[in-house]
Protein backbone atom coordinates (compact mmCIF):
# COMPACT_ATOMS: atom_id res chain seq x y z
CA UNK A 1 21.13 8.19 0.82
CA UNK A 2 20.03 10.33 -2.81
CA UNK A 3 20.64 7.37 -4.33
CA UNK A 4 18.30 5.40 -2.07
CA UNK A 5 15.41 7.99 -2.69
CA UNK A 6 15.80 8.30 -6.37
CA UNK A 7 15.14 4.61 -6.52
CA UNK A 8 12.48 4.34 -4.14
CA UNK A 9 10.92 7.66 -6.11
CA UNK A 10 11.35 5.81 -9.81
CA UNK A 11 9.79 2.79 -8.35
CA UNK A 12 6.40 4.43 -7.11
CA UNK A 13 6.28 6.27 -9.98
CA UNK A 14 6.47 2.46 -12.31
CA UNK A 15 3.84 1.31 -9.92
CA UNK A 16 1.72 4.35 -10.32
CA UNK A 17 1.74 3.67 -13.76
CA UNK A 18 1.49 -0.47 -13.02
CA UNK A 19 -1.73 0.33 -11.21
CA UNK A 20 -4.30 0.98 -13.40
CA UNK A 21 -4.39 -2.49 -15.21
CA UNK A 22 -2.69 -4.84 -12.74
CA UNK A 23 -4.77 -3.47 -9.90
CA UNK A 24 -8.03 -3.94 -11.03
CA UNK A 25 -6.76 -7.12 -11.96
CA UNK A 26 -6.39 -7.81 -8.16
CA UNK A 27 -9.01 -6.24 -7.81
CA UNK A 28 -11.29 -9.72 -8.85
CA UNK A 29 -9.44 -11.77 -5.84
CA UNK A 30 -11.05 -11.18 -2.89
CA UNK A 31 -8.27 -12.67 -1.08
CA UNK A 32 -6.67 -9.54 -0.81
CA UNK A 33 -9.37 -6.97 0.57
CA UNK A 34 -8.58 -4.85 3.67
CA UNK A 35 -11.55 -4.82 6.32
CA UNK A 36 -10.92 -1.91 8.56
CA UNK A 37 -9.43 -3.34 12.07
CA UNK A 38 -8.49 -6.64 10.69
CA UNK A 39 -4.86 -6.84 10.69
CA UNK A 40 -2.87 -9.15 7.53
CA UNK A 41 0.46 -10.42 6.35
CA UNK A 42 2.29 -10.51 3.28
CA UNK A 43 5.92 -11.45 2.18
CA UNK A 44 8.26 -9.20 -0.01
CA UNK A 45 11.29 -11.72 -1.43
CA UNK A 46 13.92 -11.10 -4.06
CA UNK A 47 11.55 -11.85 -7.27
CA UNK A 48 8.15 -9.70 -5.27
CA UNK A 49 9.24 -6.38 -4.49
CA UNK A 50 5.31 -5.59 -3.68
CA UNK A 51 1.94 -6.57 -2.57
CA UNK A 52 -1.14 -5.47 -3.64
CA UNK A 53 -4.02 -4.67 -1.43
CA UNK A 54 -7.88 -2.92 -2.02
CA UNK A 55 -10.38 -1.14 -0.16
CA UNK A 56 -13.90 0.67 -0.70
CA UNK A 57 -14.25 3.77 0.67
CA UNK A 58 -16.47 6.80 1.32
CA UNK A 59 -15.54 10.48 0.43
CA UNK A 60 -13.84 12.27 3.11
CA UNK A 61 -13.41 9.87 5.62
CA UNK A 62 -9.96 9.04 7.23
CA UNK A 63 -8.39 6.37 6.11
CA UNK A 64 -4.61 5.38 8.70
CA UNK A 65 -2.12 2.65 7.40
CA UNK A 66 0.32 0.88 8.80
CA UNK A 67 2.96 -1.73 7.66
CA UNK A 68 5.72 -3.07 9.88
CA UNK A 69 8.76 -5.76 9.78
CA UNK A 70 10.96 -7.47 11.46
CA UNK A 71 13.15 -8.62 8.94
CA UNK A 72 16.50 -7.54 9.08
CA UNK A 73 17.10 -4.89 5.95
CA UNK A 74 13.78 -4.63 4.77
CA UNK A 75 12.88 -1.20 4.54
CA UNK A 76 8.86 -0.52 3.60
CA UNK A 77 7.20 1.59 1.40
CA UNK A 78 3.65 2.46 1.21
CA UNK A 79 1.62 3.79 -1.37
CA UNK A 80 -2.42 4.46 -1.41
CA UNK A 81 -3.93 4.82 -4.63
CA UNK A 82 -7.91 5.90 -6.42
CA UNK A 83 -9.09 3.26 -8.84
CA UNK A 84 -8.00 5.67 -11.73
CA UNK A 85 -4.36 4.94 -10.89
CA UNK A 86 -4.03 8.47 -9.32
CA UNK A 87 -1.16 8.51 -6.23
CA UNK A 88 -3.61 9.71 -3.13
CA UNK A 89 -0.52 9.42 -0.14
CA UNK A 90 2.71 7.16 0.11
CA UNK A 91 5.47 7.03 2.48
CA UNK A 92 8.56 6.30 1.34
CA UNK A 93 11.09 7.35 3.99
CA UNK A 94 13.97 5.91 4.60
CA UNK A 95 14.81 7.02 8.26
CA UNK A 96 12.06 5.20 9.63
CA UNK A 97 13.39 1.49 9.38
CA UNK A 98 10.84 -1.06 9.24
CA UNK A 99 7.93 0.40 8.84
CA UNK A 100 6.08 2.65 6.65
CA UNK A 101 2.72 4.23 7.39
CA UNK A 102 -0.11 7.04 5.65
CA UNK A 103 -1.78 8.44 8.78
CA UNK A 104 -5.51 10.14 8.51
CA UNK A 105 -5.59 10.51 4.91
CA UNK A 106 -8.98 12.15 3.68
CA UNK A 107 -10.34 9.81 0.83
CA UNK A 108 -11.49 12.28 -2.01
CA UNK A 109 -14.33 9.98 -3.91
CA UNK A 110 -15.90 7.05 -3.45
CA UNK A 111 -14.66 4.19 -4.42
CA UNK A 112 -11.91 1.22 -4.82
CA UNK A 113 -8.56 2.29 -3.37
CA UNK A 114 -5.74 0.25 -3.83
CA UNK A 115 -2.72 -0.19 -0.35
CA UNK A 116 1.03 -1.54 -2.21
CA UNK A 117 3.20 -2.24 0.53
CA UNK A 118 6.82 -2.42 -1.48
CA UNK A 119 10.15 -3.06 -0.65
CA UNK A 120 11.81 0.24 -0.38
CA UNK A 121 14.55 -0.51 -2.87
CA UNK A 122 11.97 -1.27 -5.31
CA UNK A 123 12.52 -4.10 -7.90
CA UNK A 124 16.49 -3.41 -7.30
CA UNK A 125 16.68 -4.77 -3.76
CA UNK A 126 17.38 -8.26 -2.39
CA UNK A 127 15.73 -8.02 1.02
CA UNK A 128 12.99 -10.32 1.80
CA UNK A 129 10.72 -10.58 4.75
CA UNK A 130 6.80 -11.09 5.55
CA UNK A 131 5.18 -7.82 6.86
CA UNK A 132 2.26 -7.22 8.78
CA UNK A 133 -0.31 -4.26 7.54
CA UNK A 134 -3.17 -2.65 9.12
CA UNK A 135 -5.43 -0.74 7.97
CA UNK A 136 -8.14 1.41 10.09
CA UNK A 137 -10.41 4.19 9.18
CA UNK A 138 -13.28 6.72 10.68
CA UNK A 139 -16.40 6.77 8.50
CA UNK A 140 -18.07 4.44 5.87
CA UNK A 141 -15.12 2.48 4.59
CA UNK A 142 -15.29 -0.79 5.95
CA UNK A 143 -13.17 -2.70 3.21
CA UNK A 144 -16.88 -4.01 2.69
CA UNK A 145 -18.11 -3.59 -1.12
CA UNK A 146 -21.51 -1.44 -1.01
CA UNK A 147 -24.65 -3.57 -1.57
CA UNK A 148 -27.28 -2.54 -3.92
């Protein structure tokens, strides 16, 4: 169990390091945008161990994220980062089989945030399957970019 935890911590560290460049490129794709109250689906495979989405948030908004899967053997982890790649919140609990959640996190600053759903076993794992991700917020964060 400890080995699995350390593997996950290492995986989250790598994802955190990659967020500033990789996530900025993902943000250019409008199809990966989260909208509060609208679930999205994705898939993880042996080749693709994470999927990243984004939303625009406002300081003080409360954000809740829930990822679930029915795929046997696929344990999920969630990572919430800001536009600079700093980790705001994460859930990587191996005891919660088939789901990961970040509940009522207060956003520290206005701006773009990234949500990464990943296989708990990281790049080393082989589990695959579909997942559902739900994003909800109270306050001004809607997932819709601000208009000028």
